[in-house]
Amino acid sequence: MTQFLRICLTTLGALMIMTVPAMAQDGEVVAFSSFAGIGIGIIILGAGLGIGKIGGSAVEAMARQPENSANIQTAMIIAAALIEGATFFAIIFAWLAG
């Protein structure tokens, strides 16, 4: 089992354990379901991993080709902005669905 898969499964298990008290509540005052909270957490986790991968790859590319660092940095910022935009919409949809 790879380290990445182990971290993902541990995170998912921790999220599920933490939502049990929220699901056991009585009353109708809950703002959104705990499944929406899990979805938002997974969205943020995926966005963080994606932007981290972009940043790491960009730094590695800049180290290999310092003369192209301006072009690489521009492409990295554009890709990170696209990921953040998609993440923003996914969070809004998950929040509204909950």
PDB file of N, CA and C in Angstrom:
ATOM      1  N   MET A   1       0.848  -1.170   0.000  1.00  0.00           N
ATOM      2  CA  MET A   1       0.000   0.000   0.000  1.00  0.00           C
ATOM      3  C   MET A   1       0.900   1.242   0.000  1.00  0.00           C
ATOM      4  N   THR A   2       0.638   2.119  -0.905  1.00  0.00           N
ATOM      5  CA  THR A   2       1.473   3.305  -1.003  1.00  0.00           C
ATOM      6  C   THR A   2       1.176   4.270   0.143  1.00  0.00           C
ATOM      7  N   GLN A   3       2.106   5.159   0.374  1.00  0.00           N
ATOM      8  CA  GLN A   3       1.941   6.121   1.454  1.00  0.00           C
ATOM      9  C   GLN A   3       0.763   7.052   1.171  1.00  0.00           C
ATOM     10  N   PHE A   4       0.577   7.458  -0.075  1.00  0.00           N
ATOM     11  CA  PHE A   4      -0.527   8.343  -0.434  1.00  0.00           C
ATOM     12  C   PHE A   4      -1.871   7.681  -0.131  1.00  0.00           C
ATOM     13  N   LEU A   5      -2.026   6.418  -0.514  1.00  0.00           N
ATOM     14  CA  LEU A   5      -3.274   5.710  -0.260  1.00  0.00           C
ATOM     15  C   LEU A   5      -3.515   5.547   1.232  1.00  0.00           C
ATOM     16  N   ARG A   6      -2.461   5.282   1.982  1.00  0.00           N
ATOM     17  CA  ARG A   6      -2.580   5.142   3.425  1.00  0.00           C
ATOM     18  C   ARG A   6      -3.030   6.457   4.067  1.00  0.00           C
ATOM     19  N   ILE A   7      -2.470   7.577   3.605  1.00  0.00           N
ATOM     20  CA  ILE A   7      -2.868   8.882   4.138  1.00  0.00           C
ATOM     21  C   ILE A   7      -4.322   9.175   3.799  1.00  0.00           C
ATOM     22  N   CYS A   8      -4.733   8.876   2.563  1.00  0.00           N
ATOM     23  CA  CYS A   8      -6.124   9.123   2.156  1.00  0.00           C
ATOM     24  C   CYS A   8      -7.101   8.296   2.976  1.00  0.00           C
ATOM     25  N   LEU A   9      -6.789   7.031   3.177  1.00  0.00           N
ATOM     26  CA  LEU A   9      -7.691   6.177   3.958  1.00  0.00           C
ATOM     27  C   LEU A   9      -7.737   6.604   5.419  1.00  0.00           C
ATOM     28  N   THR A  10      -6.611   7.013   5.976  1.00  0.00           N
ATOM     29  CA  THR A  10      -6.591   7.490   7.353  1.00  0.00           C
ATOM     30  C   THR A  10      -7.409   8.766   7.498  1.00  0.00           C
ATOM     31  N   THR A  11      -7.258   9.677   6.538  1.00  0.00           N
ATOM     32  CA  THR A  11      -8.022  10.919   6.571  1.00  0.00           C
ATOM     33  C   THR A  11      -9.518  10.652   6.447  1.00  0.00           C
ATOM     34  N   LEU A  12      -9.895   9.781   5.536  1.00  0.00           N
ATOM     35  CA  LEU A  12     -11.304   9.442   5.366  1.00  0.00           C
ATOM     36  C   LEU A  12     -11.873   8.793   6.628  1.00  0.00           C
ATOM     37  N   GLY A  13     -11.106   7.900   7.245  1.00  0.00           N
ATOM     38  CA  GLY A  13     -11.553   7.278   8.488  1.00  0.00           C
ATOM     39  C   GLY A  13     -11.731   8.288   9.606  1.00  0.00           C
ATOM     40  N   ALA A  14     -10.785   9.228   9.714  1.00  0.00           N
ATOM     41  CA  ALA A  14     -10.891  10.263  10.744  1.00  0.00           C
ATOM     42  C   ALA A  14     -12.105  11.151  10.500  1.00  0.00           C
ATOM     43  N   LEU A  15     -12.362  11.506   9.241  1.00  0.00           N
ATOM     44  CA  LEU A  15     -13.534  12.318   8.927  1.00  0.00           C
ATOM     45  C   LEU A  15     -14.826  11.597   9.285  1.00  0.00           C
ATOM     46  N   MET A  16     -14.873  10.304   9.007  1.00  0.00           N
ATOM     47  CA  MET A  16     -16.090   9.552   9.308  1.00  0.00           C
ATOM     48  C   MET A  16     -16.302   9.426  10.816  1.00  0.00           C
ATOM     49  N   ILE A  17     -15.217   9.257  11.570  1.00  0.00           N
ATOM     50  CA  ILE A  17     -15.350   9.150  13.023  1.00  0.00           C
ATOM     51  C   ILE A  17     -15.800  10.476  13.612  1.00  0.00           C
ATOM     52  N   MET A  18     -15.288  11.586  13.076  1.00  0.00           N
ATOM     53  CA  MET A  18     -15.642  12.896  13.616  1.00  0.00           C
ATOM     54  C   MET A  18     -17.081  13.303  13.288  1.00  0.00           C
ATOM     55  N   THR A  19     -17.666  12.745  12.256  1.00  0.00           N
ATOM     56  CA  THR A  19     -19.027  13.136  11.898  1.00  0.00           C
ATOM     57  C   THR A  19     -20.089  12.334  12.630  1.00  0.00           C
ATOM     58  N   VAL A  20     -19.721  11.268  13.321  1.00  0.00           N
ATOM     59  CA  VAL A  20     -20.709  10.454  14.030  1.00  0.00           C
ATOM     60  C   VAL A  20     -21.474  11.278  15.064  1.00  0.00           C
ATOM     61  N   PRO A  21     -20.828  12.097  15.907  1.00  0.00           N
ATOM     62  CA  PRO A  21     -21.619  12.895  16.851  1.00  0.00           C
ATOM     63  C   PRO A  21     -22.568  13.873  16.161  1.00  0.00           C
ATOM     64  N   ALA A  22     -22.178  14.419  15.040  1.00  0.00           N
ATOM     65  CA  ALA A  22     -23.051  15.350  14.328  1.00  0.00           C
ATOM     66  C   ALA A  22     -24.274  14.634  13.773  1.00  0.00           C
ATOM     67  N   MET A  23     -24.111  13.399  13.316  1.00  0.00           N
ATOM     68  CA  MET A  23     -25.247  12.654  12.782  1.00  0.00           C
ATOM     69  C   MET A  23     -26.174  12.165  13.890  1.00  0.00           C
ATOM     70  N   ALA A  24     -25.677  12.051  15.122  1.00  0.00           N
ATOM     71  CA  ALA A  24     -26.480  11.543  16.224  1.00  0.00           C
ATOM     72  C   ALA A  24     -27.292  12.633  16.902  1.00  0.00           C
ATOM     73  N   GLN A  25     -27.161  13.868  16.481  1.00  0.00           N
ATOM     74  CA  GLN A  25     -27.881  14.964  17.118  1.00  0.00           C
ATOM     75  C   GLN A  25     -29.379  14.870  16.846  1.00  0.00           C
ATOM     76  N   ASP A  26     -30.138  15.236  17.859  1.00  0.00           N
ATOM     77  CA  ASP A  26     -31.574  15.363  17.688  1.00  0.00           C
ATOM     78  C   ASP A  26     -31.902  16.821  17.431  1.00  0.00           C
ATOM     79  N   GLY A  27     -32.890  17.053  16.657  1.00  0.00           N
ATOM     80  CA  GLY A  27     -33.278  18.424  16.391  1.00  0.00           C
ATOM     81  C   GLY A  27     -33.128  18.743  14.914  1.00  0.00           C
ATOM     82  N   GLU A  28     -33.673  19.879  14.552  1.00  0.00           N
ATOM     83  CA  GLU A  28     -33.658  20.266  13.149  1.00  0.00           C
ATOM     84  C   GLU A  28     -32.894  21.566  12.931  1.00  0.00           C
ATOM     85  N   VAL A  29     -31.909  21.832  13.763  1.00  0.00           N
ATOM     86  CA  VAL A  29     -31.187  23.086  13.695  1.00  0.00           C
ATOM     87  C   VAL A  29     -29.885  22.934  12.906  1.00  0.00           C
ATOM     88  N   VAL A  30     -29.587  21.764  12.420  1.00  0.00           N
ATOM     89  CA  VAL A  30     -28.342  21.525  11.711  1.00  0.00           C
ATOM     90  C   VAL A  30     -28.363  22.300  10.400  1.00  0.00           C
ATOM     91  N   ALA A  31     -27.302  23.066  10.143  1.00  0.00           N
ATOM     92  CA  ALA A  31     -27.260  23.930   8.958  1.00  0.00           C
ATOM     93  C   ALA A  31     -27.127  23.119   7.674  1.00  0.00           C
ATOM     94  N   PHE A  32     -26.294  22.109   7.672  1.00  0.00           N
ATOM     95  CA  PHE A  32     -26.162  21.239   6.514  1.00  0.00           C
ATOM     96  C   PHE A  32     -25.785  19.851   6.998  1.00  0.00           C
ATOM     97  N   SER A  33     -26.010  18.872   6.154  1.00  0.00           N
ATOM     98  CA  SER A  33     -25.761  17.501   6.575  1.00  0.00           C
ATOM     99  C   SER A  33     -24.271  17.251   6.724  1.00  0.00           C
ATOM    100  N   SER A  34     -23.950  16.251   7.512  1.00  0.00           N
ATOM    101  CA  SER A  34     -22.537  15.935   7.720  1.00  0.00           C
ATOM    102  C   SER A  34     -21.913  15.372   6.451  1.00  0.00           C
ATOM    103  N   PHE A  35     -22.728  14.824   5.558  1.00  0.00           N
ATOM    104  CA  PHE A  35     -22.184  14.329   4.301  1.00  0.00           C
ATOM    105  C   PHE A  35     -21.712  15.478   3.424  1.00  0.00           C
ATOM    106  N   ALA A  36     -22.370  16.623   3.516  1.00  0.00           N
ATOM    107  CA  ALA A  36     -21.895  17.806   2.794  1.00  0.00           C
ATOM    108  C   ALA A  36     -20.561  18.251   3.369  1.00  0.00           C
ATOM    109  N   GLY A  37     -20.409  18.155   4.685  1.00  0.00           N
ATOM    110  CA  GLY A  37     -19.134  18.495   5.314  1.00  0.00           C
ATOM    111  C   GLY A  37     -18.021  17.566   4.874  1.00  0.00           C
ATOM    112  N   ILE A  38     -18.328  16.279   4.756  1.00  0.00           N
ATOM    113  CA  ILE A  38     -17.330  15.322   4.265  1.00  0.00           C
ATOM    114  C   ILE A  38     -16.970  15.647   2.824  1.00  0.00           C
ATOM    115  N   GLY A  39     -17.978  15.970   2.020  1.00  0.00           N
ATOM    116  CA  GLY A  39     -17.718  16.322   0.623  1.00  0.00           C
ATOM    117  C   GLY A  39     -16.846  17.558   0.493  1.00  0.00           C
ATOM    118  N   ILE A  40     -17.125  18.563   1.305  1.00  0.00           N
ATOM    119  CA  ILE A  40     -16.318  19.781   1.261  1.00  0.00           C
ATOM    120  C   ILE A  40     -14.887  19.478   1.691  1.00  0.00           C
ATOM    121  N   GLY A  41     -14.714  18.636   2.703  1.00  0.00           N
ATOM    122  CA  GLY A  41     -13.368  18.255   3.133  1.00  0.00           C
ATOM    123  C   GLY A  41     -12.602  17.531   2.047  1.00  0.00           C
ATOM    124  N   ILE A  42     -13.273  16.645   1.342  1.00  0.00           N
ATOM    125  CA  ILE A  42     -12.615  15.920   0.251  1.00  0.00           C
ATOM    126  C   ILE A  42     -12.272  16.866  -0.893  1.00  0.00           C
ATOM    127  N   ILE A  43     -13.144  17.827  -1.166  1.00  0.00           N
ATOM    128  CA  ILE A  43     -12.869  18.817  -2.213  1.00  0.00           C
ATOM    129  C   ILE A  43     -11.616  19.613  -1.875  1.00  0.00           C
ATOM    130  N   ILE A  44     -11.526  20.083  -0.635  1.00  0.00           N
ATOM    131  CA  ILE A  44     -10.365  20.864  -0.211  1.00  0.00           C
ATOM    132  C   ILE A  44      -9.105  20.012  -0.244  1.00  0.00           C
ATOM    133  N   LEU A  45      -9.213  18.762   0.177  1.00  0.00           N
ATOM    134  CA  LEU A  45      -8.064  17.860   0.145  1.00  0.00           C
ATOM    135  C   LEU A  45      -7.568  17.666  -1.285  1.00  0.00           C
ATOM    136  N   GLY A  46      -8.483  17.436  -2.213  1.00  0.00           N
ATOM    137  CA  GLY A  46      -8.093  17.262  -3.606  1.00  0.00           C
ATOM    138  C   GLY A  46      -7.466  18.505  -4.198  1.00  0.00           C
ATOM    139  N   ALA A  47      -8.023  19.670  -3.869  1.00  0.00           N
ATOM    140  CA  ALA A  47      -7.462  20.920  -4.386  1.00  0.00           C
ATOM    141  C   ALA A  47      -6.070  21.166  -3.821  1.00  0.00           C
ATOM    142  N   GLY A  48      -5.895  20.900  -2.540  1.00  0.00           N
ATOM    143  CA  GLY A  48      -4.573  21.073  -1.931  1.00  0.00           C
ATOM    144  C   GLY A  48      -3.541  20.146  -2.538  1.00  0.00           C
ATOM    145  N   LEU A  49      -3.938  18.902  -2.769  1.00  0.00           N
ATOM    146  CA  LEU A  49      -3.007  17.959  -3.398  1.00  0.00           C
ATOM    147  C   LEU A  49      -2.676  18.378  -4.828  1.00  0.00           C
ATOM    148  N   GLY A  50      -3.675  18.853  -5.564  1.00  0.00           N
ATOM    149  CA  GLY A  50      -3.443  19.279  -6.943  1.00  0.00           C
ATOM    150  C   GLY A  50      -2.534  20.484  -7.042  1.00  0.00           C
ATOM    151  N   ILE A  51      -2.781  21.481  -6.215  1.00  0.00           N
ATOM    152  CA  ILE A  51      -1.939  22.676  -6.247  1.00  0.00           C
ATOM    153  C   ILE A  51      -0.538  22.356  -5.737  1.00  0.00           C
ATOM    154  N   GLY A  52      -0.435  21.480  -4.761  1.00  0.00           N
ATOM    155  CA  GLY A  52       0.886  21.049  -4.288  1.00  0.00           C
ATOM    156  C   GLY A  52       1.676  20.327  -5.365  1.00  0.00           C
ATOM    157  N   LYS A  53       0.990  19.488  -6.124  1.00  0.00           N
ATOM    158  CA  LYS A  53       1.640  18.773  -7.229  1.00  0.00           C
ATOM    159  C   LYS A  53       2.108  19.751  -8.306  1.00  0.00           C
ATOM    160  N   ILE A  54       1.263  20.739  -8.620  1.00  0.00           N
ATOM    161  CA  ILE A  54       1.643  21.745  -9.612  1.00  0.00           C
ATOM    162  C   ILE A  54       2.863  22.527  -9.141  1.00  0.00           C
ATOM    163  N   GLY A  55       2.838  22.965  -7.876  1.00  0.00           N
ATOM    164  CA  GLY A  55       3.953  23.738  -7.340  1.00  0.00           C
ATOM    165  C   GLY A  55       5.251  22.949  -7.317  1.00  0.00           C
ATOM    166  N   GLY A  56       5.179  21.698  -6.882  1.00  0.00           N
ATOM    167  CA  GLY A  56       6.378  20.861  -6.841  1.00  0.00           C
ATOM    168  C   GLY A  56       6.954  20.603  -8.224  1.00  0.00           C
ATOM    169  N   SER A  57       6.076  20.327  -9.173  1.00  0.00           N
ATOM    170  CA  SER A  57       6.534  20.086 -10.545  1.00  0.00           C
ATOM    171  C   SER A  57       7.109  21.350 -11.170  1.00  0.00           C
ATOM    172  N   ALA A  58       6.513  22.493 -10.854  1.00  0.00           N
ATOM    173  CA  ALA A  58       7.014  23.752 -11.410  1.00  0.00           C
ATOM    174  C   ALA A  58       8.390  24.086 -10.854  1.00  0.00           C
ATOM    175  N   VAL A  59       8.591  23.879  -9.557  1.00  0.00           N
ATOM    176  CA  VAL A  59       9.902  24.148  -8.961  1.00  0.00           C
ATOM    177  C   VAL A  59      10.952  23.214  -9.542  1.00  0.00           C
ATOM    178  N   GLU A  60      10.580  21.959  -9.739  1.00  0.00           N
ATOM    179  CA  GLU A  60      11.515  21.004 -10.344  1.00  0.00           C
ATOM    180  C   GLU A  60      11.856  21.407 -11.777  1.00  0.00           C
ATOM    181  N   ALA A  61      10.845  21.850 -12.527  1.00  0.00           N
ATOM    182  CA  ALA A  61      11.096  22.287 -13.908  1.00  0.00           C
ATOM    183  C   ALA A  61      11.968  23.536 -13.946  1.00  0.00           C
ATOM    184  N   MET A  62      11.742  24.455 -12.999  1.00  0.00           N
ATOM    185  CA  MET A  62      12.573  25.663 -12.947  1.00  0.00           C
ATOM    186  C   MET A  62      14.015  25.331 -12.588  1.00  0.00           C
ATOM    187  N   ALA A  63      14.202  24.317 -11.749  1.00  0.00           N
ATOM    188  CA  ALA A  63      15.565  23.913 -11.392  1.00  0.00           C
ATOM    189  C   ALA A  63      16.276  23.291 -12.582  1.00  0.00           C
ATOM    190  N   ARG A  64      15.542  22.603 -13.436  1.00  0.00           N
ATOM    191  CA  ARG A  64      16.153  21.972 -14.607  1.00  0.00           C
ATOM    192  C   ARG A  64      16.393  22.956 -15.741  1.00  0.00           C
ATOM    193  N   GLN A  65      15.496  23.931 -15.884  1.00  0.00           N
ATOM    194  CA  GLN A  65      15.624  24.915 -16.965  1.00  0.00           C
ATOM    195  C   GLN A  65      15.404  26.319 -16.402  1.00  0.00           C
ATOM    196  N   PRO A  66      16.425  26.900 -15.787  1.00  0.00           N
ATOM    197  CA  PRO A  66      16.250  28.221 -15.173  1.00  0.00           C
ATOM    198  C   PRO A  66      15.921  29.327 -16.181  1.00  0.00           C
ATOM    199  N   GLU A  67      16.297  29.144 -17.424  1.00  0.00           N
ATOM    200  CA  GLU A  67      16.029  30.181 -18.422  1.00  0.00           C
ATOM    201  C   GLU A  67      14.544  30.280 -18.763  1.00  0.00           C
ATOM    202  N   ASN A  68      13.770  29.245 -18.507  1.00  0.00           N
ATOM    203  CA  ASN A  68      12.329  29.250 -18.793  1.00  0.00           C
ATOM    204  C   ASN A  68      11.493  29.438 -17.532  1.00  0.00           C
ATOM    205  N   SER A  69      12.099  29.908 -16.468  1.00  0.00           N
ATOM    206  CA  SER A  69      11.376  29.974 -15.193  1.00  0.00           C
ATOM    207  C   SER A  69      10.195  30.941 -15.239  1.00  0.00           C
ATOM    208  N   ALA A  70      10.292  32.023 -16.000  1.00  0.00           N
ATOM    209  CA  ALA A  70       9.166  32.965 -16.076  1.00  0.00           C
ATOM    210  C   ALA A  70       7.954  32.317 -16.745  1.00  0.00           C
ATOM    211  N   ASN A  71       8.183  31.587 -17.830  1.00  0.00           N
ATOM    212  CA  ASN A  71       7.076  30.910 -18.519  1.00  0.00           C
ATOM    213  C   ASN A  71       6.472  29.810 -17.648  1.00  0.00           C
ATOM    214  N   ILE A  72       7.325  29.081 -16.945  1.00  0.00           N
ATOM    215  CA  ILE A  72       6.843  27.997 -16.081  1.00  0.00           C
ATOM    216  C   ILE A  72       6.029  28.565 -14.933  1.00  0.00           C
ATOM    217  N   GLN A  73       6.507  29.670 -14.350  1.00  0.00           N
ATOM    218  CA  GLN A  73       5.790  30.281 -13.235  1.00  0.00           C
ATOM    219  C   GLN A  73       4.428  30.805 -13.676  1.00  0.00           C
ATOM    220  N   THR A  74       4.367  31.407 -14.859  1.00  0.00           N
ATOM    221  CA  THR A  74       3.088  31.897 -15.374  1.00  0.00           C
ATOM    222  C   THR A  74       2.102  30.753 -15.584  1.00  0.00           C
ATOM    223  N   ALA A  75       2.576  29.668 -16.179  1.00  0.00           N
ATOM    224  CA  ALA A  75       1.705  28.507 -16.400  1.00  0.00           C
ATOM    225  C   ALA A  75       1.255  27.903 -15.080  1.00  0.00           C
ATOM    226  N   MET A  76       2.142  27.887 -14.086  1.00  0.00           N
ATOM    227  CA  MET A  76       1.798  27.339 -12.776  1.00  0.00           C
ATOM    228  C   MET A  76       0.703  28.178 -12.113  1.00  0.00           C
ATOM    229  N   ILE A  77       0.828  29.491 -12.177  1.00  0.00           N
ATOM    230  CA  ILE A  77      -0.165  30.361 -11.543  1.00  0.00           C
ATOM    231  C   ILE A  77      -1.521  30.229 -12.230  1.00  0.00           C
ATOM    232  N   ILE A  78      -1.534  30.132 -13.544  1.00  0.00           N
ATOM    233  CA  ILE A  78      -2.792  29.969 -14.278  1.00  0.00           C
ATOM    234  C   ILE A  78      -3.454  28.635 -13.917  1.00  0.00           C
ATOM    235  N   ALA A  79      -2.668  27.564 -13.877  1.00  0.00           N
ATOM    236  CA  ALA A  79      -3.226  26.249 -13.528  1.00  0.00           C
ATOM    237  C   ALA A  79      -3.749  26.239 -12.095  1.00  0.00           C
ATOM    238  N   ALA A  80      -3.019  26.850 -11.165  1.00  0.00           N
ATOM    239  CA  ALA A  80      -3.477  26.901  -9.775  1.00  0.00           C
ATOM    240  C   ALA A  80      -4.764  27.720  -9.654  1.00  0.00           C
ATOM    241  N   ALA A  81      -4.868  28.801 -10.419  1.00  0.00           N
ATOM    242  CA  ALA A  81      -6.090  29.612 -10.386  1.00  0.00           C
ATOM    243  C   ALA A  81      -7.282  28.833 -10.929  1.00  0.00           C
ATOM    244  N   LEU A  82      -7.071  28.047 -11.971  1.00  0.00           N
ATOM    245  CA  LEU A  82      -8.161  27.228 -12.512  1.00  0.00           C
ATOM    246  C   LEU A  82      -8.612  26.186 -11.498  1.00  0.00           C
ATOM    247  N   ILE A  83      -7.670  25.586 -10.793  1.00  0.00           N
ATOM    248  CA  ILE A  83      -8.025  24.602  -9.766  1.00  0.00           C
ATOM    249  C   ILE A  83      -8.796  25.273  -8.634  1.00  0.00           C
ATOM    250  N   GLU A  84      -8.338  26.457  -8.213  1.00  0.00           N
ATOM    251  CA  GLU A  84      -9.042  27.161  -7.143  1.00  0.00           C
ATOM    252  C   GLU A  84     -10.454  27.563  -7.564  1.00  0.00           C
ATOM    253  N   GLY A  85     -10.630  27.963  -8.813  1.00  0.00           N
ATOM    254  CA  GLY A  85     -11.963  28.315  -9.301  1.00  0.00           C
ATOM    255  C   GLY A  85     -12.890  27.119  -9.297  1.00  0.00           C
ATOM    256  N   ALA A  86     -12.407  25.994  -9.791  1.00  0.00           N
ATOM    257  CA  ALA A  86     -13.231  24.778  -9.790  1.00  0.00           C
ATOM    258  C   ALA A  86     -13.536  24.334  -8.366  1.00  0.00           C
ATOM    259  N   THR A  87     -12.569  24.489  -7.471  1.00  0.00           N
ATOM    260  CA  THR A  87     -12.779  24.135  -6.067  1.00  0.00           C
ATOM    261  C   THR A  87     -13.844  25.027  -5.436  1.00  0.00           C
ATOM    262  N   PHE A  88     -13.796  26.304  -5.750  1.00  0.00           N
ATOM    263  CA  PHE A  88     -14.787  27.242  -5.209  1.00  0.00           C
ATOM    264  C   PHE A  88     -16.203  26.841  -5.621  1.00  0.00           C
ATOM    265  N   PHE A  89     -16.390  26.531  -6.901  1.00  0.00           N
ATOM    266  CA  PHE A  89     -17.718  26.132  -7.366  1.00  0.00           C
ATOM    267  C   PHE A  89     -18.148  24.805  -6.756  1.00  0.00           C
ATOM    268  N   ALA A  90     -17.225  23.863  -6.611  1.00  0.00           N
ATOM    269  CA  ALA A  90     -17.560  22.577  -6.010  1.00  0.00           C
ATOM    270  C   ALA A  90     -17.970  22.744  -4.548  1.00  0.00           C
ATOM    271  N   ILE A  91     -17.288  23.633  -3.820  1.00  0.00           N
ATOM    272  CA  ILE A  91     -17.653  23.880  -2.421  1.00  0.00           C
ATOM    273  C   ILE A  91     -19.047  24.508  -2.337  1.00  0.00           C
ATOM    274  N   ILE A  92     -19.334  25.451  -3.201  1.00  0.00           N
ATOM    275  CA  ILE A  92     -20.655  26.088  -3.199  1.00  0.00           C
ATOM    276  C   ILE A  92     -21.741  25.061  -3.500  1.00  0.00           C
ATOM    277  N   PHE A  93     -21.535  24.206  -4.503  1.00  0.00           N
ATOM    278  CA  PHE A  93     -22.529  23.198  -4.842  1.00  0.00           C
ATOM    279  C   PHE A  93     -22.711  22.191  -3.714  1.00  0.00           C
ATOM    280  N   ALA A  94     -21.607  21.776  -3.077  1.00  0.00           N
ATOM    281  CA  ALA A  94     -21.714  20.822  -1.959  1.00  0.00           C
ATOM    282  C   ALA A  94     -22.437  21.465  -0.782  1.00  0.00           C
ATOM    283  N   TRP A  95     -22.168  22.737  -0.535  1.00  0.00           N
ATOM    284  CA  TRP A  95     -22.825  23.431   0.572  1.00  0.00           C
ATOM    285  C   TRP A  95     -24.323  23.609   0.307  1.00  0.00           C
ATOM    286  N   LEU A  96     -24.665  23.961  -0.928  1.00  0.00           N
ATOM    287  CA  LEU A  96     -26.075  24.121  -1.259  1.00  0.00           C
ATOM    288  C   LEU A  96     -26.815  22.785  -1.277  1.00  0.00           C
ATOM    289  N   ALA A  97     -26.131  21.707  -1.639  1.00  0.00           N
ATOM    290  CA  ALA A  97     -26.767  20.393  -1.661  1.00  0.00           C
ATOM    291  C   ALA A  97     -27.035  19.885  -0.255  1.00  0.00           C
ATOM    292  N   GLY A  98     -26.219  20.320   0.709  1.00  0.00           N
ATOM    293  CA  GLY A  98     -26.383  19.862   2.086  1.00  0.00           C
ATOM    294  C   GLY A  98     -27.390  20.634   2.765  1.00  0.00           C
TER     295      GLY A  98
END
